[in-house]
Amino acid sequence: MMAEQRILMDETAIRRALTRIAHEIVEKNKGIDNCMLVGIRTRGIYLAERLAALIEEIEGKPVEVTDLDITAYRDDRRSNASSQARNETAAAKQECNHLNVEGRRIILFDDVLYTGRTIRAAMDAVMDRGRPEIIQLAVLVDRGHRELPIRPDYVGKNVPTSKQEQIDVSLSEVDGDDKVTIIH
């Protein structure tokens, strides 16, 4: 049986959602002073970079953007930690040391929020680097089904899904085009 796909957001809808989120971030933070956008790899960093460009258009000044590799912090990779996996985990944790979060307003950005486990791992990675003033969460799509008490501050689109469905985010930087699809 072939999986059924439906486009939820096209390039225009993604751009509009990011523009709305940019305005919401500026409003909620009363500007962008002391803010840092942190995109969760892989697609979160590209969304954060797009958001930073929109915020710069609004505010007339740049906002710092960086990426975050949360591989070492994922709770689904600990149980089968071979020595090679432990070495990769240590290297990934060391790589995140470029984050200077002390006293900053951190806005994490990810493409899809599902169980909340990726965001928990991202918060652990951020907290390992210092004590931010605040951590906020922006997501392009919130599909529900939380396993942890995590709620986004900024949402591009809420998409109620069943656990059998899948949300696929395609971005031109990685996939060649911009769209969000639901796969049944």
N, C-alpha and C. Protein backbone atom coordinates (compact mmCIF):
# COMPACT_ATOMS: atom_id res chain seq x y z
N MET A 1 0.83 -1.18 0.00
CA MET A 1 0.00 0.00 0.00
C MET A 1 0.88 1.25 0.00
N MET A 2 0.59 2.16 -0.89
CA MET A 2 1.40 3.36 -1.04
C MET A 2 0.98 4.43 -0.03
N ALA A 3 1.97 5.12 0.53
CA ALA A 3 1.68 6.18 1.50
C ALA A 3 1.09 7.39 0.79
N GLU A 4 0.08 7.97 1.42
CA GLU A 4 -0.57 9.16 0.87
C GLU A 4 0.11 10.39 1.44
N GLN A 5 0.46 11.35 0.56
CA GLN A 5 1.10 12.59 0.98
C GLN A 5 0.20 13.78 0.64
N ARG A 6 0.22 14.77 1.53
CA ARG A 6 -0.52 16.00 1.28
C ARG A 6 0.36 17.17 1.70
N ILE A 7 0.44 18.19 0.86
CA ILE A 7 1.23 19.37 1.18
C ILE A 7 0.46 20.24 2.17
N LEU A 8 1.08 20.54 3.32
CA LEU A 8 0.49 21.39 4.34
C LEU A 8 0.92 22.85 4.20
N MET A 9 2.18 23.03 3.81
CA MET A 9 2.73 24.38 3.64
C MET A 9 3.61 24.38 2.41
N ASP A 10 3.43 25.38 1.56
CA ASP A 10 4.31 25.55 0.42
C ASP A 10 5.33 26.65 0.77
N GLU A 11 6.13 27.04 -0.21
CA GLU A 11 7.18 28.04 0.02
C GLU A 11 6.60 29.35 0.57
N THR A 12 5.48 29.79 0.03
CA THR A 12 4.85 31.03 0.46
C THR A 12 4.36 30.92 1.90
N ALA A 13 3.72 29.81 2.24
CA ALA A 13 3.21 29.61 3.60
C ALA A 13 4.35 29.55 4.62
N ILE A 14 5.45 28.93 4.25
CA ILE A 14 6.61 28.87 5.15
C ILE A 14 7.17 30.27 5.37
N ARG A 15 7.30 31.04 4.29
CA ARG A 15 7.81 32.42 4.40
C ARG A 15 6.89 33.26 5.29
N ARG A 16 5.59 33.14 5.10
CA ARG A 16 4.64 33.91 5.91
C ARG A 16 4.73 33.51 7.39
N ALA A 17 4.84 32.22 7.65
CA ALA A 17 4.95 31.75 9.04
C ALA A 17 6.22 32.29 9.69
N LEU A 18 7.32 32.26 8.97
CA LEU A 18 8.58 32.77 9.52
C LEU A 18 8.51 34.28 9.74
N THR A 19 7.85 35.00 8.85
CA THR A 19 7.69 36.45 9.01
C THR A 19 6.87 36.76 10.25
N ARG A 20 5.80 36.02 10.47
CA ARG A 20 4.97 36.20 11.66
C ARG A 20 5.77 35.90 12.93
N ILE A 21 6.52 34.79 12.91
CA ILE A 21 7.35 34.42 14.07
C ILE A 21 8.38 35.51 14.35
N ALA A 22 9.00 36.06 13.31
CA ALA A 22 10.00 37.12 13.48
C ALA A 22 9.38 38.31 14.20
N HIS A 23 8.19 38.73 13.79
CA HIS A 23 7.52 39.85 14.45
C HIS A 23 7.17 39.51 15.90
N GLU A 24 6.73 38.28 16.15
CA GLU A 24 6.39 37.86 17.50
C GLU A 24 7.61 37.86 18.41
N ILE A 25 8.75 37.41 17.89
CA ILE A 25 9.99 37.40 18.68
C ILE A 25 10.40 38.81 19.05
N VAL A 26 10.37 39.71 18.06
CA VAL A 26 10.75 41.10 18.32
C VAL A 26 9.82 41.72 19.35
N GLU A 27 8.52 41.47 19.22
CA GLU A 27 7.55 42.03 20.16
C GLU A 27 7.72 41.47 21.57
N LYS A 28 7.81 40.16 21.67
CA LYS A 28 7.90 39.51 22.99
C LYS A 28 9.18 39.89 23.73
N ASN A 29 10.28 40.07 22.98
CA ASN A 29 11.57 40.38 23.59
C ASN A 29 11.87 41.87 23.61
N LYS A 30 10.89 42.69 23.17
CA LYS A 30 11.06 44.15 23.12
C LYS A 30 12.31 44.52 22.34
N GLY A 31 12.46 43.92 21.17
CA GLY A 31 13.65 44.11 20.34
C GLY A 31 14.44 42.81 20.31
N ILE A 32 15.70 42.93 19.93
CA ILE A 32 16.53 41.72 19.83
C ILE A 32 17.82 41.82 20.63
N ASP A 33 17.94 42.87 21.43
CA ASP A 33 19.16 43.02 22.23
C ASP A 33 19.33 41.79 23.13
N ASN A 34 20.54 41.26 23.14
CA ASN A 34 20.91 40.12 23.97
C ASN A 34 20.26 38.81 23.54
N CYS A 35 19.65 38.79 22.35
CA CYS A 35 19.02 37.56 21.84
C CYS A 35 20.00 36.78 20.95
N MET A 36 19.84 35.48 20.96
CA MET A 36 20.61 34.60 20.08
C MET A 36 19.67 33.52 19.56
N LEU A 37 19.65 33.36 18.24
CA LEU A 37 18.89 32.28 17.63
C LEU A 37 19.78 31.05 17.55
N VAL A 38 19.27 29.93 18.04
CA VAL A 38 20.03 28.68 18.03
C VAL A 38 19.22 27.65 17.25
N GLY A 39 19.69 27.32 16.06
CA GLY A 39 19.00 26.36 15.21
C GLY A 39 19.49 24.95 15.49
N ILE A 40 18.55 24.05 15.72
CA ILE A 40 18.88 22.66 15.97
C ILE A 40 19.12 21.97 14.64
N ARG A 41 20.29 21.33 14.50
CA ARG A 41 20.61 20.65 13.25
C ARG A 41 19.61 19.56 12.96
N THR A 42 19.22 19.37 11.75
CA THR A 42 19.78 19.96 10.57
C THR A 42 18.92 21.12 10.07
N ARG A 43 17.65 20.94 9.97
CA ARG A 43 16.82 21.97 9.35
C ARG A 43 16.59 23.19 10.24
N GLY A 44 16.70 23.04 11.53
CA GLY A 44 16.50 24.17 12.44
C GLY A 44 17.46 25.31 12.20
N ILE A 45 18.70 25.01 11.83
CA ILE A 45 19.67 26.10 11.59
C ILE A 45 19.30 26.90 10.36
N TYR A 46 18.80 26.25 9.32
CA TYR A 46 18.42 26.99 8.11
C TYR A 46 17.19 27.86 8.38
N LEU A 47 16.26 27.36 9.18
CA LEU A 47 15.10 28.17 9.55
C LEU A 47 15.53 29.35 10.43
N ALA A 48 16.46 29.11 11.35
CA ALA A 48 16.96 30.18 12.21
C ALA A 48 17.67 31.26 11.39
N GLU A 49 18.44 30.85 10.38
CA GLU A 49 19.12 31.83 9.52
C GLU A 49 18.12 32.66 8.74
N ARG A 50 17.07 32.03 8.23
CA ARG A 50 16.03 32.77 7.52
C ARG A 50 15.34 33.75 8.47
N LEU A 51 15.07 33.28 9.68
CA LEU A 51 14.43 34.11 10.69
C LEU A 51 15.31 35.31 11.04
N ALA A 52 16.60 35.09 11.17
CA ALA A 52 17.54 36.18 11.49
C ALA A 52 17.51 37.25 10.39
N ALA A 53 17.44 36.84 9.14
CA ALA A 53 17.37 37.80 8.03
C ALA A 53 16.08 38.62 8.11
N LEU A 54 14.98 37.99 8.45
CA LEU A 54 13.70 38.70 8.59
C LEU A 54 13.75 39.67 9.77
N ILE A 55 14.32 39.23 10.88
CA ILE A 55 14.43 40.10 12.05
C ILE A 55 15.31 41.30 11.74
N GLU A 56 16.39 41.09 10.99
CA GLU A 56 17.26 42.21 10.61
C GLU A 56 16.52 43.22 9.74
N GLU A 57 15.64 42.73 8.86
CA GLU A 57 14.81 43.64 8.07
C GLU A 57 13.89 44.47 8.96
N ILE A 58 13.34 43.85 10.00
CA ILE A 58 12.41 44.52 10.90
C ILE A 58 13.14 45.51 11.81
N GLU A 59 14.23 45.07 12.42
CA GLU A 59 14.93 45.84 13.45
C GLU A 59 16.07 46.70 12.92
N GLY A 60 16.55 46.39 11.72
CA GLY A 60 17.65 47.16 11.16
C GLY A 60 19.00 46.82 11.75
N LYS A 61 19.07 45.72 12.49
CA LYS A 61 20.35 45.26 13.03
C LYS A 61 20.33 43.74 13.10
N PRO A 62 21.51 43.13 13.02
CA PRO A 62 21.55 41.66 12.99
C PRO A 62 21.33 41.04 14.36
N VAL A 63 20.85 39.81 14.32
CA VAL A 63 20.74 39.00 15.53
C VAL A 63 21.69 37.82 15.35
N GLU A 64 22.38 37.46 16.40
CA GLU A 64 23.35 36.35 16.32
C GLU A 64 22.62 35.03 16.09
N VAL A 65 23.20 34.21 15.21
CA VAL A 65 22.64 32.89 14.89
C VAL A 65 23.76 31.87 15.00
N THR A 66 23.44 30.73 15.61
CA THR A 66 24.38 29.63 15.67
C THR A 66 23.62 28.32 15.57
N ASP A 67 24.34 27.25 15.32
CA ASP A 67 23.70 25.95 15.23
C ASP A 67 24.03 25.11 16.46
N LEU A 68 23.24 24.06 16.63
CA LEU A 68 23.41 23.19 17.79
C LEU A 68 23.22 21.75 17.34
N ASP A 69 24.24 20.94 17.61
CA ASP A 69 24.17 19.51 17.34
C ASP A 69 23.84 18.83 18.67
N ILE A 70 22.66 18.24 18.77
CA ILE A 70 22.22 17.65 20.04
C ILE A 70 22.42 16.14 20.08
N THR A 71 23.11 15.60 19.11
CA THR A 71 23.31 14.15 19.03
C THR A 71 23.80 13.56 20.35
N ALA A 72 24.75 14.22 20.98
CA ALA A 72 25.34 13.70 22.22
C ALA A 72 24.38 13.74 23.40
N TYR A 73 23.30 14.46 23.28
CA TYR A 73 22.36 14.65 24.38
C TYR A 73 21.07 13.85 24.23
N ARG A 74 20.94 13.15 23.14
CA ARG A 74 19.70 12.40 22.89
C ARG A 74 19.60 11.22 23.84
N ASP A 75 18.42 11.02 24.42
CA ASP A 75 18.25 9.92 25.37
C ASP A 75 18.05 8.57 24.68
N ASP A 76 17.84 8.56 23.38
CA ASP A 76 17.67 7.30 22.66
C ASP A 76 18.99 6.75 22.13
N ARG A 77 20.10 7.39 22.45
CA ARG A 77 21.39 6.92 21.97
C ARG A 77 22.29 6.45 23.09
N ARG A 78 21.83 6.54 24.34
CA ARG A 78 22.68 6.21 25.48
C ARG A 78 22.79 4.71 25.73
N SER A 79 21.69 4.00 25.61
CA SER A 79 21.67 2.60 26.01
C SER A 79 22.61 1.72 25.19
N ASN A 80 22.80 2.06 23.93
CA ASN A 80 23.65 1.25 23.07
C ASN A 80 24.98 1.94 22.80
N ALA A 81 25.54 2.55 23.83
CA ALA A 81 26.76 3.34 23.66
C ALA A 81 28.01 2.44 23.61
N SER A 82 28.47 2.17 22.42
CA SER A 82 29.74 1.46 22.24
C SER A 82 30.86 2.47 22.49
N SER A 83 32.10 2.03 22.48
CA SER A 83 33.20 2.96 22.70
C SER A 83 33.27 3.99 21.57
N GLN A 84 32.97 3.57 20.34
CA GLN A 84 32.97 4.52 19.23
C GLN A 84 31.86 5.56 19.43
N ALA A 85 30.68 5.12 19.85
CA ALA A 85 29.57 6.04 20.09
C ALA A 85 29.91 7.00 21.23
N ARG A 86 30.57 6.51 22.28
CA ARG A 86 30.96 7.38 23.40
C ARG A 86 31.96 8.43 22.92
N ASN A 87 32.90 8.03 22.05
CA ASN A 87 33.86 9.00 21.51
C ASN A 87 33.17 10.04 20.66
N GLU A 88 32.19 9.61 19.84
CA GLU A 88 31.43 10.55 19.02
C GLU A 88 30.63 11.50 19.90
N THR A 89 30.07 10.98 20.98
CA THR A 89 29.30 11.80 21.91
C THR A 89 30.20 12.85 22.55
N ALA A 90 31.38 12.47 23.00
CA ALA A 90 32.31 13.42 23.61
C ALA A 90 32.71 14.49 22.60
N ALA A 91 32.97 14.09 21.36
CA ALA A 91 33.35 15.05 20.32
C ALA A 91 32.21 16.03 20.04
N ALA A 92 30.98 15.53 19.98
CA ALA A 92 29.83 16.38 19.72
C ALA A 92 29.62 17.37 20.86
N LYS A 93 29.80 16.92 22.10
CA LYS A 93 29.65 17.83 23.25
C LYS A 93 30.73 18.91 23.20
N GLN A 94 31.94 18.53 22.83
CA GLN A 94 33.04 19.49 22.74
C GLN A 94 32.76 20.52 21.65
N GLU A 95 32.17 20.07 20.54
CA GLU A 95 31.91 20.96 19.41
C GLU A 95 30.95 22.09 19.79
N CYS A 96 30.05 21.86 20.71
CA CYS A 96 29.05 22.86 21.11
C CYS A 96 29.64 23.93 22.02
N ASN A 97 30.92 23.86 22.34
CA ASN A 97 31.51 24.81 23.26
C ASN A 97 31.58 26.22 22.71
N HIS A 98 31.31 26.42 21.41
CA HIS A 98 31.33 27.76 20.84
C HIS A 98 30.13 28.60 21.31
N LEU A 99 29.15 27.97 21.93
CA LEU A 99 27.97 28.69 22.40
C LEU A 99 28.31 29.50 23.64
N ASN A 100 28.07 30.81 23.58
CA ASN A 100 28.22 31.67 24.74
C ASN A 100 26.82 32.09 25.15
N VAL A 101 26.21 31.36 26.07
CA VAL A 101 24.81 31.56 26.43
C VAL A 101 24.61 32.31 27.74
N GLU A 102 25.67 32.54 28.46
CA GLU A 102 25.56 33.14 29.79
C GLU A 102 24.80 34.47 29.74
N GLY A 103 23.66 34.51 30.44
CA GLY A 103 22.87 35.73 30.53
C GLY A 103 22.15 36.13 29.25
N ARG A 104 22.17 35.29 28.23
CA ARG A 104 21.56 35.63 26.92
C ARG A 104 20.12 35.16 26.86
N ARG A 105 19.37 35.74 25.94
CA ARG A 105 18.01 35.32 25.62
C ARG A 105 18.13 34.35 24.44
N ILE A 106 18.00 33.06 24.71
CA ILE A 106 18.19 32.02 23.72
C ILE A 106 16.83 31.65 23.11
N ILE A 107 16.79 31.65 21.78
CA ILE A 107 15.59 31.21 21.08
C ILE A 107 15.97 29.98 20.27
N LEU A 108 15.57 28.82 20.75
CA LEU A 108 15.82 27.57 20.04
C LEU A 108 14.85 27.48 18.86
N PHE A 109 15.33 26.98 17.72
CA PHE A 109 14.45 26.81 16.57
C PHE A 109 14.62 25.40 16.02
N ASP A 110 13.49 24.70 15.84
CA ASP A 110 13.50 23.37 15.23
C ASP A 110 12.39 23.32 14.20
N ASP A 111 12.48 22.36 13.30
CA ASP A 111 11.48 22.27 12.24
C ASP A 111 10.16 21.70 12.74
N VAL A 112 10.20 20.56 13.45
CA VAL A 112 8.97 19.90 13.91
C VAL A 112 9.08 19.59 15.40
N LEU A 113 8.04 19.95 16.14
CA LEU A 113 7.95 19.56 17.55
C LEU A 113 6.99 18.39 17.65
N TYR A 114 7.47 17.30 18.23
CA TYR A 114 6.67 16.07 18.33
C TYR A 114 6.63 15.66 19.80
N THR A 115 7.51 14.79 20.24
CA THR A 115 7.47 14.29 21.61
C THR A 115 8.06 15.27 22.62
N GLY A 116 8.95 16.14 22.17
CA GLY A 116 9.64 17.07 23.05
C GLY A 116 11.03 16.61 23.45
N ARG A 117 11.40 15.41 23.07
CA ARG A 117 12.70 14.87 23.48
C ARG A 117 13.88 15.58 22.82
N THR A 118 13.73 15.99 21.58
CA THR A 118 14.79 16.75 20.91
C THR A 118 15.01 18.08 21.61
N ILE A 119 13.92 18.73 22.00
CA ILE A 119 14.03 20.02 22.67
C ILE A 119 14.65 19.86 24.06
N ARG A 120 14.29 18.79 24.77
CA ARG A 120 14.92 18.53 26.06
C ARG A 120 16.42 18.37 25.90
N ALA A 121 16.82 17.63 24.87
CA ALA A 121 18.25 17.44 24.61
C ALA A 121 18.92 18.78 24.28
N ALA A 122 18.23 19.61 23.50
CA ALA A 122 18.78 20.92 23.14
C ALA A 122 18.93 21.81 24.38
N MET A 123 17.95 21.77 25.26
CA MET A 123 18.05 22.57 26.49
C MET A 123 19.21 22.08 27.36
N ASP A 124 19.40 20.76 27.44
CA ASP A 124 20.55 20.22 28.18
C ASP A 124 21.86 20.73 27.59
N ALA A 125 21.95 20.72 26.26
CA ALA A 125 23.17 21.20 25.59
C ALA A 125 23.41 22.67 25.87
N VAL A 126 22.36 23.47 25.83
CA VAL A 126 22.49 24.90 26.12
C VAL A 126 22.91 25.11 27.57
N MET A 127 22.26 24.42 28.49
CA MET A 127 22.55 24.60 29.92
C MET A 127 23.97 24.15 30.28
N ASP A 128 24.52 23.22 29.52
CA ASP A 128 25.91 22.80 29.74
C ASP A 128 26.89 23.92 29.42
N ARG A 129 26.45 24.93 28.68
CA ARG A 129 27.30 26.04 28.28
C ARG A 129 27.18 27.25 29.18
N GLY A 130 26.28 27.22 30.14
CA GLY A 130 26.10 28.37 31.02
C GLY A 130 24.64 28.54 31.39
N ARG A 131 24.35 29.69 31.98
CA ARG A 131 22.99 29.96 32.44
C ARG A 131 22.40 31.11 31.63
N PRO A 132 21.55 30.78 30.65
CA PRO A 132 20.92 31.85 29.88
C PRO A 132 19.88 32.58 30.73
N GLU A 133 19.57 33.80 30.33
CA GLU A 133 18.51 34.56 31.02
C GLU A 133 17.17 33.85 30.82
N ILE A 134 16.94 33.38 29.60
CA ILE A 134 15.69 32.71 29.26
C ILE A 134 15.94 31.83 28.04
N ILE A 135 15.19 30.74 27.94
CA ILE A 135 15.19 29.92 26.72
C ILE A 135 13.76 29.93 26.20
N GLN A 136 13.62 30.31 24.94
CA GLN A 136 12.33 30.28 24.26
C GLN A 136 12.42 29.26 23.14
N LEU A 137 11.26 28.81 22.68
CA LEU A 137 11.22 27.78 21.64
C LEU A 137 10.36 28.23 20.47
N ALA A 138 10.93 28.14 19.27
CA ALA A 138 10.21 28.40 18.02
C ALA A 138 10.26 27.14 17.17
N VAL A 139 9.13 26.79 16.59
CA VAL A 139 9.06 25.62 15.71
C VAL A 139 8.25 25.98 14.47
N LEU A 140 8.60 25.39 13.36
CA LEU A 140 7.81 25.60 12.15
C LEU A 140 6.49 24.86 12.25
N VAL A 141 6.52 23.61 12.74
CA VAL A 141 5.31 22.78 12.85
C VAL A 141 5.25 22.14 14.24
N ASP A 142 4.08 22.27 14.88
CA ASP A 142 3.82 21.57 16.13
C ASP A 142 2.78 20.50 15.83
N ARG A 143 3.18 19.23 15.95
CA ARG A 143 2.27 18.14 15.60
C ARG A 143 1.65 17.43 16.79
N GLY A 144 1.97 17.88 18.01
CA GLY A 144 1.37 17.26 19.19
C GLY A 144 2.10 16.01 19.64
N HIS A 145 1.45 15.24 20.51
CA HIS A 145 1.94 13.95 21.04
C HIS A 145 3.14 14.09 21.96
N ARG A 146 3.13 15.08 22.85
CA ARG A 146 4.24 15.29 23.78
C ARG A 146 4.41 14.13 24.74
N GLU A 147 5.66 13.80 25.00
CA GLU A 147 6.03 12.86 26.05
C GLU A 147 6.65 13.61 27.22
N LEU A 148 6.97 14.87 27.01
CA LEU A 148 7.56 15.73 28.04
C LEU A 148 6.78 17.04 28.08
N PRO A 149 6.75 17.72 29.22
CA PRO A 149 5.97 18.96 29.33
C PRO A 149 6.67 20.15 28.67
N ILE A 150 6.69 20.17 27.36
CA ILE A 150 7.36 21.22 26.60
C ILE A 150 6.33 21.86 25.67
N ARG A 151 6.31 23.20 25.66
CA ARG A 151 5.37 23.93 24.83
C ARG A 151 6.13 25.05 24.10
N PRO A 152 5.91 25.20 22.79
CA PRO A 152 6.63 26.24 22.06
C PRO A 152 6.07 27.64 22.34
N ASP A 153 6.95 28.64 22.26
CA ASP A 153 6.56 30.04 22.40
C ASP A 153 6.08 30.60 21.06
N TYR A 154 6.64 30.07 19.97
CA TYR A 154 6.33 30.55 18.62
C TYR A 154 6.10 29.35 17.72
N VAL A 155 4.97 29.34 17.01
CA VAL A 155 4.61 28.20 16.16
C VAL A 155 4.22 28.71 14.77
N GLY A 156 4.81 28.11 13.75
CA GLY A 156 4.42 28.43 12.39
C GLY A 156 3.06 27.86 12.05
N LYS A 157 2.85 26.58 12.38
CA LYS A 157 1.57 25.93 12.08
C LYS A 157 1.36 24.78 13.06
N ASN A 158 0.17 24.73 13.64
CA ASN A 158 -0.24 23.59 14.46
C ASN A 158 -0.89 22.57 13.55
N VAL A 159 -0.44 21.32 13.61
CA VAL A 159 -0.98 20.26 12.76
C VAL A 159 -1.29 19.05 13.64
N PRO A 160 -2.55 18.90 14.03
CA PRO A 160 -2.90 17.69 14.80
C PRO A 160 -2.67 16.46 13.92
N THR A 161 -1.98 15.49 14.46
CA THR A 161 -1.65 14.28 13.69
C THR A 161 -1.97 13.05 14.52
N SER A 162 -2.03 11.92 13.84
CA SER A 162 -2.05 10.65 14.56
C SER A 162 -0.59 10.19 14.67
N LYS A 163 -0.36 9.25 15.54
CA LYS A 163 1.01 8.74 15.70
C LYS A 163 1.47 7.97 14.46
N GLN A 164 0.54 7.53 13.63
CA GLN A 164 0.90 6.80 12.42
C GLN A 164 1.30 7.75 11.29
N GLU A 165 0.95 9.01 11.42
CA GLU A 165 1.30 9.98 10.39
C GLU A 165 2.69 10.53 10.63
N GLN A 166 3.25 11.10 9.59
CA GLN A 166 4.59 11.67 9.66
C GLN A 166 4.57 13.05 9.02
N ILE A 167 5.32 13.98 9.59
CA ILE A 167 5.47 15.31 9.01
C ILE A 167 6.86 15.37 8.41
N ASP A 168 6.94 15.81 7.16
CA ASP A 168 8.22 15.92 6.47
C ASP A 168 8.42 17.38 6.07
N VAL A 169 9.52 17.98 6.55
CA VAL A 169 9.87 19.35 6.20
C VAL A 169 11.00 19.30 5.19
N SER A 170 10.77 19.91 4.05
CA SER A 170 11.80 20.03 3.01
C SER A 170 12.19 21.50 2.90
N LEU A 171 13.48 21.77 2.92
CA LEU A 171 13.99 23.13 2.78
C LEU A 171 14.95 23.19 1.60
N SER A 172 14.94 24.30 0.88
CA SER A 172 15.75 24.42 -0.33
C SER A 172 17.24 24.22 -0.04
N GLU A 173 17.71 24.63 1.14
CA GLU A 173 19.13 24.50 1.47
C GLU A 173 19.58 23.04 1.55
N VAL A 174 18.66 22.14 1.89
CA VAL A 174 19.00 20.73 2.07
C VAL A 174 18.35 19.86 1.00
N ASP A 175 17.09 20.16 0.68
CA ASP A 175 16.29 19.26 -0.14
C ASP A 175 15.96 19.79 -1.53
N GLY A 176 16.30 21.04 -1.81
CA GLY A 176 16.05 21.59 -3.13
C GLY A 176 14.77 22.39 -3.27
N ASP A 177 13.79 22.22 -2.37
CA ASP A 177 12.58 23.03 -2.39
C ASP A 177 12.03 23.18 -0.99
N ASP A 178 11.07 24.10 -0.86
CA ASP A 178 10.46 24.39 0.43
C ASP A 178 9.04 23.86 0.47
N LYS A 179 8.77 22.95 1.42
CA LYS A 179 7.40 22.47 1.61
C LYS A 179 7.35 21.64 2.89
N VAL A 180 6.15 21.56 3.43
CA VAL A 180 5.86 20.70 4.57
C VAL A 180 4.75 19.76 4.12
N THR A 181 4.99 18.48 4.25
CA THR A 181 4.00 17.49 3.85
C THR A 181 3.64 16.60 5.03
N ILE A 182 2.42 16.08 4.97
CA ILE A 182 1.99 15.07 5.94
C ILE A 182 1.87 13.77 5.17
N ILE A 183 2.40 12.71 5.74
CA ILE A 183 2.40 11.40 5.10
C ILE A 183 1.52 10.48 5.93
N HIS A 184 0.48 9.94 5.29
CA HIS A 184 -0.47 9.03 5.98
C HIS A 184 -0.05 7.60 5.78
